[in-house]
Each structure stands twice: as structure tokens, then as C-alpha cells.
Amino acid sequence: MNGHHFLKRLFCAVLVGALLFPGQALAAGYLPMEEAEAAMAAITNEIIEEEVSMAAAITPGVDLPVKSAVLMDQGTGAVLYAENEDVKLPPASITKIMSLLLIMEAIDSGKIALTDKVTCSDTASGYGGSQIWLKPGEEMTVDDLLKAAAISSANDATVCLAEYVAGSEAAFVQLMNDKARELGMTNTTFQGATGLDSDGHLTTAKDIAIMSRALLEHPLILNYSTVWMETLRGGETQLVNTNRLVRFYQGATGLKTGTTSGAGSCLSATATRDGLGLIAVVMGADTSDHRFAAARSLLDWGFANFMKAALTPPENILPVPVTGGVETQVEVTCLPPEGILIEKGKKEAITQDVILPESVAAPVEEGQELGTIAVCVDGERVAEYPILAASGVERMSFGKALGILGRTLIAMG
């Protein structure tokens, strides 16, 4: 079956489901849009051309068609653009970024494994909204549940994983809020693992960017967030990513859509080009098209105006004198970062200042930090990295001094 025919069939199936089971499609105020978005991605070139044109016409800070927005550098967490970034709003399924983060941590720690089989509970199967129609007692691997949660935003799959990690959704939500505090997400309170509208379930564009950055620190998530189409149940269940930028934006790496009647259309869109990773968060768009155009506009603006500049340590950094050691000086080495975030056109304005002490007392450990190199752009410090001892130097003792003296006398003949 080719992609076009598959998408037509999937769209029809979702449409029929919404007509036959409207109570499930609209559970908890949930619009049927998120499932429909995945299905309706019978996305034509005309739709994408219109999105590109709409994005080009948007000026960040002037007419971004959303309630709040943030553009963040993935590498440093620096906020490059912000609009109402601390206003608390319902996030819809962008909530699942935190759920996915906790699941990634559970996998990394060995608490759970991708091959583990998870049994669907009555609670998870009856969740409604976006779902893969799990039945009570049905088994599915963590890997497949992750596909469903990350690609098609399946609520039942997300709750299955939450229960498997923490025992219950309520206990998992407590972990979500604990993690939010740990990350400094001061304006966030989670009430559920999926993002269905609920009183007090609120976050901000800035906090979403923070947890998006944390999730991207787990490379495994890219195995799911970058997938456009996938299947489950031996090909019987088709998944299409709710984030069409994954297919239609150069360098897209994810990350998560969200749509409810209370939240409107939301998106955390991530992309990487030439070593520069950007996170664009938009909340409260009135249409899905507006959220994609707004996020595309922010990403375009970021890639047009910023870059990652590679750093080469200054040449001929002198050894550092050592007092009270068996050697009188120690050679040094540097560990520059992969690159620094700068505005385009500022590469020639980068300077690096070597900051070292006049001397260091023995003993000196190999790899010991002796000083720093301050990186400045137009005279303003933007980064620094360490200067390290290339080898160790032992402290001089009476015995070592006699040994050195003896070797010196022998050498003199």
C-alpha cells in the first residue's frame, strides 16, 4: 500500500470513529484534532507551500499568531526570543514531553527495558482522546508503547507506561512535578500524564522549552520523535506523526504537538542545522496551521540570525610554574566546547583571554583545573572553558630532594 492510499484509509477510519464514537473522541474536552492531524496528513505540497508563505510573512514580536512563544538554544538553554513566556496556559499533549522524559530516565537507569511487556489496565484502556485502542489485558512492549505515545500522542499508551514506571498515574504525576521543580520549571503544575484539560494543569512556553531541552539530552528519544510513519500490531495499526514538521522541515528532530479545546493548538518544535539546535515552543494558536507556521517562523528566524562557532584554543599557552614540586613547571592542555552560540556576522569579534595563576603549589594532579579561557564577543564574556594540567607533579620531599641531587651529581661526572 503506498503512502497516499494509506493516509486516505487512515483519515476515513478516524472520521468514521469520530462519528460512531463521539463520546470517546471528545472525552475530557479533547478535540478529535490530534488523531485527525495524524490522519489528515494527506498533506499536499500546496499545504506546505502555504505554511512556508505564512511563516515568511510572520514577524516574531509583531504578529506571531499564538498566546505565548519561546525560542531556546538547545545547547546552552539561552532564550533567543520570548513572548509571554511565563504566562501559565494549558499545554495539552505537550505534557507528554515530561512523561517521555521520565520514561527515558527509567530506561537509562535500567528500571525498565524497551523489550519489557506491559499489560494494559482498565484505566489506561478507557482514557479516550488520541489513542491506539488498547484493550484491558492487552500486552505491548515498552518500545511499541513509546512509538504510540511519541509519534501519534496516544493517551492509552502513555498511561500504560506511566503505570509501569510508577505503579499508578497519580504516583507518576508526582514524579512529573518533582522533576519539574528539579529542572527549575517554576510555573508548572501537572495534573495528569497525558495533557487532557484539567483544572490547574498549567505550564508556560519557557518551562516547556526547558523540559524539551532535558528530553533531548536522551538521544534515544530521536528514534521516536523523528519518525514520520510507523506500524504496530504486525502492521494492523498505522501511526503517523502528529508533527508534520518532522517530514517537511529541514533538520527537524521532533518534538511534540498538543491540541485540546482548552489549550488550542500547541507545539514544541525542535531542529538542528550545522551544529545549532533550536527549540521553538508556541502555545494557544487558534488553528493547527497557525501553530506550525508560527513554529516554522521562529526556527527560520533562529537559523537565519544565530550560529555555532567552533573554538580553537589560543596557541603557545605557557607552562605554569610549580612551587614545592619535583618539577619546576607543568604543561597545560585545554578542553574547548564544541562551539559557542553567536549572532551571525560576529565570528571575527570573538576573543579568548587566558587566565592563569602566577604559580601553583605542588602536588598537582593530572587533569587538575589550573585556570580558564574566557571567551568574549565584542568584549562581553559569553563562555569559558578550563585549562588543565597535562601531567602530575609530586610534592618535593627530603628523600626526593636527595635522589634528585644524587642523579644530578652522577650526570655531572
Protein backbone atom coordinates (compact mmCIF):
# COMPACT_ATOMS: atom_id res chain seq x y z
CA MET A 1 0.00 0.00 0.00
CA ASN A 2 1.54 3.35 -0.94
CA GLY A 3 1.65 6.26 1.47
CA HIS A 4 -1.12 8.21 -0.26
CA HIS A 5 -3.63 5.35 -0.15
CA PHE A 6 -2.68 4.53 3.44
CA LEU A 7 -3.28 8.12 4.56
CA LYS A 8 -6.65 8.21 2.82
CA ARG A 9 -7.68 4.99 4.55
CA LEU A 10 -6.44 6.22 7.92
CA PHE A 11 -8.26 9.52 7.60
CA CYS A 12 -11.50 7.72 6.74
CA ALA A 13 -11.07 5.38 9.69
CA VAL A 14 -10.59 8.28 12.10
CA LEU A 15 -13.55 10.14 10.63
CA VAL A 16 -15.81 7.10 10.98
CA GLY A 17 -14.57 6.57 14.53
CA ALA A 18 -15.36 10.15 15.45
CA LEU A 19 -18.88 9.79 14.04
CA LEU A 20 -19.59 6.43 15.65
CA PHE A 21 -17.92 7.11 18.99
CA PRO A 22 -18.13 10.86 19.60
CA GLY A 23 -18.08 10.41 23.38
CA GLN A 24 -14.66 8.81 23.20
CA ALA A 25 -13.28 11.24 20.64
CA LEU A 26 -14.32 14.21 22.77
CA ALA A 27 -13.51 12.72 26.16
CA ALA A 28 -12.50 15.28 28.78
CA GLY A 29 -12.99 18.13 26.32
CA TYR A 30 -10.48 16.63 23.92
CA LEU A 31 -10.87 17.66 20.31
CA PRO A 32 -10.56 14.85 17.76
CA MET A 33 -7.96 17.00 16.04
CA GLU A 34 -4.78 15.35 17.24
CA GLU A 35 -5.78 12.00 15.78
CA ALA A 36 -7.17 13.75 12.75
CA GLU A 37 -3.94 15.68 12.32
CA ALA A 38 -2.02 12.47 12.06
CA ALA A 39 -4.52 11.05 9.61
CA MET A 40 -5.13 14.14 7.57
CA ALA A 41 -1.51 14.46 6.88
CA ALA A 42 -2.55 13.65 3.35
CA ILE A 43 -0.51 16.81 3.33
CA THR A 44 -0.20 18.22 -0.13
CA ASN A 45 2.60 20.37 -1.46
CA GLU A 46 0.09 23.21 -1.59
CA ILE A 47 -0.49 22.98 2.17
CA ILE A 48 3.23 23.11 2.91
CA GLU A 49 3.78 25.93 0.42
CA GLU A 50 1.04 27.88 2.17
CA GLU A 51 2.64 27.15 5.54
CA VAL A 52 6.04 28.36 4.29
CA SER A 53 4.46 31.53 2.88
CA MET A 54 2.55 32.14 6.11
CA ALA A 55 5.72 31.65 8.16
CA ALA A 56 7.67 34.05 5.93
CA ALA A 57 5.01 36.70 6.46
CA ILE A 58 5.17 36.43 10.25
CA THR A 59 7.46 38.78 12.16
CA PRO A 60 8.39 37.49 15.63
CA GLY A 61 7.50 40.12 18.18
CA VAL A 62 4.93 41.73 15.89
CA ASP A 63 2.32 39.28 14.65
CA LEU A 64 3.07 35.80 15.93
CA PRO A 65 -0.42 34.15 15.91
CA VAL A 66 -0.13 32.49 19.34
CA LYS A 67 -0.69 33.35 23.00
CA SER A 68 2.91 32.70 24.05
CA ALA A 69 6.18 31.60 22.49
CA VAL A 70 9.84 30.91 23.20
CA LEU A 71 12.86 30.15 21.05
CA MET A 72 15.67 28.49 23.00
CA ASP A 73 19.18 27.35 22.12
CA GLN A 74 19.29 23.63 22.82
CA GLY A 75 22.98 23.64 23.70
CA THR A 76 23.08 26.39 26.33
CA GLY A 77 19.44 26.95 27.24
CA ALA A 78 19.77 30.62 26.23
CA VAL A 79 16.43 32.20 25.33
CA LEU A 80 16.74 33.85 21.92
CA TYR A 81 13.14 35.04 21.65
CA ALA A 82 10.29 35.25 24.14
CA GLU A 83 6.70 36.42 24.08
CA ASN A 84 4.52 35.98 27.19
CA GLU A 85 6.92 33.18 28.06
CA ASP A 86 5.90 32.97 31.74
CA VAL A 87 2.12 33.11 31.24
CA LYS A 88 0.52 29.93 32.60
CA LEU A 89 -1.56 28.10 30.00
CA PRO A 90 -2.93 24.57 29.49
CA PRO A 91 -0.37 22.62 27.42
CA ALA A 92 -2.49 19.75 26.02
CA SER A 93 -0.35 16.80 24.88
CA ILE A 94 2.89 18.76 25.08
CA THR A 95 2.56 17.45 28.63
CA LYS A 96 3.85 14.15 27.26
CA ILE A 97 7.33 15.67 26.90
CA MET A 98 7.67 15.33 30.68
CA SER A 99 6.14 11.85 30.60
CA LEU A 100 8.61 10.81 27.91
CA LEU A 101 11.50 12.34 29.86
CA LEU A 102 10.69 10.22 32.92
CA ILE A 103 10.35 7.12 30.75
CA MET A 104 13.75 7.82 29.13
CA GLU A 105 15.29 8.16 32.59
CA ALA A 106 13.72 4.87 33.68
CA ILE A 107 15.21 3.16 30.62
CA ASP A 108 18.64 4.73 31.12
CA SER A 109 18.72 3.67 34.78
CA GLY A 110 17.78 0.09 33.92
CA LYS A 111 14.49 0.27 35.80
CA ILE A 112 12.63 -0.72 32.64
CA ALA A 113 13.73 -2.01 29.22
CA LEU A 114 12.43 -1.49 25.71
CA THR A 115 11.71 -5.21 25.43
CA ASP A 116 9.59 -5.34 28.61
CA LYS A 117 5.98 -6.32 28.01
CA VAL A 118 3.38 -4.09 29.64
CA THR A 119 -0.21 -5.16 30.33
CA CYS A 120 -2.87 -2.54 29.66
CA SER A 121 -5.07 -1.71 32.65
CA ASP A 122 -8.78 -0.88 32.63
CA THR A 123 -7.82 2.72 33.47
CA ALA A 124 -5.43 3.11 30.54
CA SER A 125 -7.76 1.46 28.01
CA GLY A 126 -10.61 3.82 28.84
CA TYR A 127 -8.67 7.05 28.65
CA GLY A 128 -10.14 8.45 25.43
CA GLY A 129 -8.81 11.20 23.22
CA SER A 130 -5.89 10.24 20.98
CA GLN A 131 -5.32 6.50 21.38
CA ILE A 132 -4.38 3.22 19.77
CA TRP A 133 -7.48 1.48 21.21
CA LEU A 134 -5.66 -0.72 23.72
CA LYS A 135 -7.88 -3.35 25.35
CA PRO A 136 -7.73 -4.28 29.04
CA GLY A 137 -5.20 -7.09 29.42
CA GLU A 138 -3.56 -6.46 26.05
CA GLU A 139 0.24 -6.71 26.16
CA MET A 140 2.60 -4.42 24.29
CA THR A 141 6.32 -3.77 24.62
CA VAL A 142 7.71 -0.57 26.07
CA ASP A 143 9.19 0.10 22.63
CA ASP A 144 5.82 -0.09 20.89
CA LEU A 145 4.08 1.94 23.58
CA LEU A 146 6.76 4.61 23.16
CA LYS A 147 6.09 4.68 19.43
CA ALA A 148 2.41 5.21 20.07
CA ALA A 149 2.96 7.91 22.70
CA ALA A 150 5.70 9.87 20.92
CA ILE A 151 4.55 9.56 17.31
CA SER A 152 0.74 9.64 17.49
CA SER A 153 0.30 11.03 21.02
CA ALA A 154 -1.67 8.01 22.24
CA ASN A 155 -3.11 8.64 25.70
CA ASP A 156 -3.74 4.97 26.49
CA ALA A 157 -0.14 4.08 25.65
CA THR A 158 1.16 6.97 27.76
CA VAL A 159 -0.87 5.92 30.81
CA CYS A 160 0.28 2.31 30.37
CA LEU A 161 3.89 3.48 30.54
CA ALA A 162 3.18 5.81 33.47
CA GLU A 163 1.62 2.97 35.45
CA TYR A 164 4.50 0.65 34.57
CA VAL A 165 7.12 3.15 35.76
CA ALA A 166 5.42 4.39 38.93
CA GLY A 167 2.63 1.94 39.77
CA SER A 168 -0.18 4.39 39.08
CA GLU A 169 -0.76 7.52 37.08
CA ALA A 170 -1.12 9.52 40.32
CA ALA A 171 2.31 8.39 41.51
CA PHE A 172 3.76 9.13 38.07
CA VAL A 173 2.29 12.65 38.13
CA GLN A 174 4.04 13.23 41.44
CA LEU A 175 7.31 12.27 39.74
CA MET A 176 6.48 14.69 36.93
CA ASN A 177 6.02 17.57 39.35
CA ASP A 178 9.17 16.62 41.26
CA LYS A 179 11.14 16.64 38.00
CA ALA A 180 9.64 19.99 37.04
CA ARG A 181 10.93 21.50 40.29
CA GLU A 182 14.32 19.89 39.75
CA LEU A 183 14.56 21.48 36.29
CA GLY A 184 13.54 24.92 37.58
CA MET A 185 10.12 24.87 35.90
CA THR A 186 8.69 27.26 38.47
CA ASN A 187 5.39 27.96 36.70
CA THR A 188 4.34 24.38 36.02
CA THR A 189 1.84 22.08 37.74
CA PHE A 190 0.89 18.74 36.21
CA GLN A 191 -2.42 17.04 37.00
CA GLY A 192 -2.10 14.14 34.54
CA ALA A 193 0.38 12.30 32.35
CA THR A 194 -1.36 12.88 29.01
CA GLY A 195 -2.40 16.52 28.80
CA LEU A 196 -6.19 16.24 28.82
CA ASP A 197 -7.67 19.51 30.07
CA SER A 198 -7.88 19.58 33.87
CA ASP A 199 -8.22 22.38 36.42
CA GLY A 200 -4.77 23.53 37.48
CA HIS A 201 -2.91 21.62 34.76
CA LEU A 202 -0.78 24.52 33.59
CA THR A 203 2.67 25.37 32.32
CA THR A 204 4.43 28.04 30.26
CA ALA A 205 6.24 28.29 26.97
CA LYS A 206 9.56 28.76 28.77
CA ASP A 207 9.01 25.76 31.03
CA ILE A 208 8.09 23.62 28.03
CA ALA A 209 11.34 24.65 26.34
CA ILE A 210 13.24 23.68 29.50
CA MET A 211 11.75 20.19 29.63
CA SER A 212 12.13 19.79 25.86
CA ARG A 213 15.83 20.51 26.23
CA ALA A 214 16.07 17.95 29.04
CA LEU A 215 14.32 15.30 26.92
CA LEU A 216 16.69 15.90 24.00
CA GLU A 217 19.61 15.07 26.29
CA HIS A 218 18.44 11.46 25.85
CA PRO A 219 19.42 10.51 22.27
CA LEU A 220 17.05 7.53 22.36
CA ILE A 221 14.05 9.86 22.01
CA LEU A 222 15.14 10.69 18.45
CA ASN A 223 14.35 7.08 17.50
CA TYR A 224 10.71 8.05 18.04
CA SER A 225 10.33 11.83 17.69
CA THR A 226 11.85 11.90 14.18
CA VAL A 227 9.67 9.09 12.77
CA TRP A 228 7.04 10.14 10.25
CA MET A 229 5.18 6.84 9.79
CA GLU A 230 5.28 3.55 11.73
CA THR A 231 3.12 0.50 12.39
CA LEU A 232 2.15 -1.60 15.40
CA ARG A 233 0.47 -4.98 15.90
CA GLY A 234 2.21 -6.54 12.94
CA GLY A 235 1.16 -3.76 10.59
CA GLU A 236 -2.51 -3.68 11.62
CA THR A 237 -2.17 -0.31 13.39
CA GLN A 238 -0.67 2.58 11.47
CA LEU A 239 0.89 5.61 13.11
CA VAL A 240 1.52 8.99 11.51
CA ASN A 241 3.40 11.68 13.38
CA THR A 242 1.17 14.50 14.61
CA ASN A 243 4.09 16.88 13.98
CA ARG A 244 4.27 17.42 10.23
CA LEU A 245 7.48 19.44 10.55
CA VAL A 246 9.25 16.12 11.10
CA ARG A 247 8.75 15.43 7.42
CA PHE A 248 8.59 18.91 5.98
CA TYR A 249 11.21 20.96 7.87
CA GLN A 250 14.94 20.59 7.23
CA GLY A 251 16.77 19.27 10.28
CA ALA A 252 13.62 18.64 12.35
CA THR A 253 14.19 16.40 15.37
CA GLY A 254 10.70 16.50 16.94
CA LEU A 255 9.23 17.06 19.37
CA LYS A 256 5.54 17.15 20.41
CA THR A 257 2.19 18.58 19.39
CA GLY A 258 -0.79 19.27 21.62
CA THR A 259 -4.43 20.14 20.92
CA THR A 260 -7.41 20.43 23.26
CA SER A 261 -10.42 22.73 23.42
CA GLY A 262 -8.88 24.47 26.44
CA ALA A 263 -5.34 24.77 25.15
CA GLY A 264 -5.91 25.41 21.47
CA SER A 265 -3.09 24.24 19.21
CA CYS A 266 0.37 23.97 20.78
CA LEU A 267 3.74 22.73 19.60
CA SER A 268 7.29 22.21 20.79
CA ALA A 269 9.27 22.04 17.54
CA THR A 270 12.95 21.15 17.56
CA ALA A 271 15.51 21.18 14.76
CA THR A 272 19.28 21.10 14.27
CA ARG A 273 21.36 22.59 11.45
CA ASP A 274 25.14 22.94 11.25
CA GLY A 275 25.52 22.05 14.91
CA LEU A 276 22.94 24.57 16.11
CA GLY A 277 19.94 23.03 17.88
CA LEU A 278 16.84 25.16 18.40
CA ILE A 279 13.64 24.64 20.40
CA ALA A 280 10.58 26.64 19.31
CA VAL A 281 7.56 26.49 21.61
CA VAL A 282 4.22 28.02 20.66
CA MET A 283 1.05 27.86 22.76
CA GLY A 284 -2.57 28.78 22.24
CA ALA A 285 -2.76 29.06 18.46
CA ASP A 286 -6.33 29.17 17.17
CA THR A 287 -5.62 26.68 14.36
CA SER A 288 -3.18 23.87 13.68
CA ASP A 289 -1.91 25.71 10.59
CA HIS A 290 -1.12 28.78 12.68
CA ARG A 291 0.89 26.80 15.23
CA PHE A 292 3.01 25.12 12.53
CA ALA A 293 3.57 28.40 10.70
CA ALA A 294 4.48 30.18 13.96
CA ALA A 295 6.97 27.50 14.98
CA ARG A 296 8.46 27.40 11.49
CA SER A 297 8.81 31.18 11.56
CA LEU A 298 10.67 31.08 14.89
CA LEU A 299 13.00 28.32 13.72
CA ASP A 300 13.68 30.13 10.45
CA TRP A 301 14.43 33.33 12.33
CA GLY A 302 16.77 31.50 14.70
CA PHE A 303 18.75 29.75 11.97
CA ALA A 304 18.94 32.99 9.97
CA ASN A 305 20.34 35.01 12.86
CA PHE A 306 22.44 32.67 15.00
CA MET A 307 25.18 30.08 14.52
CA LYS A 308 27.51 27.81 16.45
CA ALA A 309 31.12 28.95 16.12
CA ALA A 310 33.90 26.40 16.64
CA LEU A 311 36.67 27.35 19.06
CA THR A 312 40.39 26.66 18.72
CA PRO A 313 42.37 27.22 21.94
CA PRO A 314 44.94 30.04 21.85
CA GLU A 315 48.36 28.88 20.72
CA ASN A 316 51.51 28.74 22.84
CA ILE A 317 49.94 28.89 26.30
CA LEU A 318 52.98 28.91 28.62
CA PRO A 319 53.55 26.23 31.28
CA VAL A 320 52.56 27.17 34.83
CA PRO A 321 55.39 27.48 37.41
CA VAL A 322 55.11 24.95 40.27
CA THR A 323 56.32 25.72 43.79
CA GLY A 324 57.44 22.97 46.13
CA GLY A 325 57.35 20.29 43.46
CA VAL A 326 59.75 17.79 41.93
CA GLU A 327 59.26 19.72 38.67
CA THR A 328 59.51 23.47 38.38
CA GLN A 329 56.61 23.83 35.94
CA VAL A 330 53.69 21.92 34.48
CA GLU A 331 52.48 21.86 30.87
CA VAL A 332 48.82 22.60 30.26
CA THR A 333 46.04 21.47 27.93
CA CYS A 334 42.59 22.86 27.12
CA LEU A 335 39.11 21.42 26.63
CA PRO A 336 37.16 23.89 24.46
CA PRO A 337 33.41 23.35 23.97
CA GLU A 338 32.16 22.06 20.63
CA GLY A 339 31.10 25.59 19.76
CA ILE A 340 29.55 28.75 21.15
CA LEU A 341 26.31 30.43 20.23
CA ILE A 342 26.84 33.77 18.48
CA GLU A 343 24.92 36.07 16.20
CA LYS A 344 25.79 35.56 12.58
CA GLY A 345 28.43 38.01 11.40
CA LYS A 346 30.11 38.14 14.83
CA LYS A 347 32.73 35.43 14.30
CA GLU A 348 35.56 37.95 13.88
CA ALA A 349 34.53 39.61 17.14
CA ILE A 350 35.39 36.52 19.18
CA THR A 351 38.37 36.88 21.53
CA GLN A 352 39.83 34.41 24.03
CA ASP A 353 41.59 35.58 27.19
CA VAL A 354 43.93 33.20 29.03
CA ILE A 355 43.51 33.43 32.82
CA LEU A 356 46.23 31.55 34.77
CA PRO A 357 47.81 31.99 38.21
CA GLU A 358 51.43 33.11 38.54
CA SER A 359 52.23 29.72 40.05
CA VAL A 360 50.61 26.64 41.57
CA ALA A 361 51.70 24.71 44.65
CA ALA A 362 52.59 21.02 44.44
CA PRO A 363 51.21 18.43 44.40
CA VAL A 364 49.48 18.90 41.04
CA GLU A 365 47.15 16.18 39.76
CA GLU A 366 46.96 15.32 36.06
CA GLY A 367 43.80 16.95 34.73
CA GLN A 368 43.64 19.43 37.62
CA GLU A 369 42.00 22.71 36.63
CA LEU A 370 44.61 25.45 36.76
CA GLY A 371 42.83 28.31 35.04
CA THR A 372 40.27 29.26 32.45
CA ILE A 373 39.96 30.74 28.99
CA ALA A 374 37.31 33.44 28.84
CA VAL A 375 35.50 33.67 25.52
CA CYS A 376 34.20 37.12 24.65
CA VAL A 377 32.20 38.56 21.77
CA ASP A 378 32.58 42.31 21.32
CA GLY A 379 34.21 42.37 24.75
CA GLU A 380 31.31 40.64 26.53
CA ARG A 381 32.02 37.28 28.13
CA VAL A 382 29.77 34.60 26.66
CA ALA A 383 31.53 31.40 27.74
CA GLU A 384 34.60 29.97 29.40
CA TYR A 385 36.41 26.65 29.43
CA PRO A 386 39.11 25.13 31.65
CA ILE A 387 42.88 24.99 31.37
CA LEU A 388 44.08 21.68 32.78
CA ALA A 389 47.39 20.23 33.96
CA ALA A 390 48.74 17.93 31.23
CA SER A 391 50.60 15.81 33.80
CA GLY A 392 51.01 15.44 37.53
CA VAL A 393 53.77 16.99 39.68
CA GLU A 394 54.62 15.41 43.04
CA ARG A 395 55.43 17.46 46.14
CA MET A 396 59.14 17.74 46.92
CA SER A 397 60.27 15.81 49.99
CA PHE A 398 63.67 15.40 51.69
CA GLY A 399 64.09 11.93 50.19
CA LYS A 400 63.08 13.09 46.70
CA ALA A 401 65.46 16.06 47.01
CA LEU A 402 68.38 13.73 47.89
CA GLY A 403 67.53 11.50 44.95
CA ILE A 404 67.45 14.45 42.54
CA LEU A 405 70.76 15.72 43.95
CA GLY A 406 72.36 12.30 43.55
CA ARG A 407 71.20 11.92 39.94
CA THR A 408 72.49 15.42 39.20
CA LEU A 409 75.94 14.68 40.64
CA ILE A 410 76.19 11.43 38.67
CA ALA A 411 75.23 13.23 35.49
CA MET A 412 77.96 15.82 36.15
CA GLY A 413 80.52 13.01 36.33
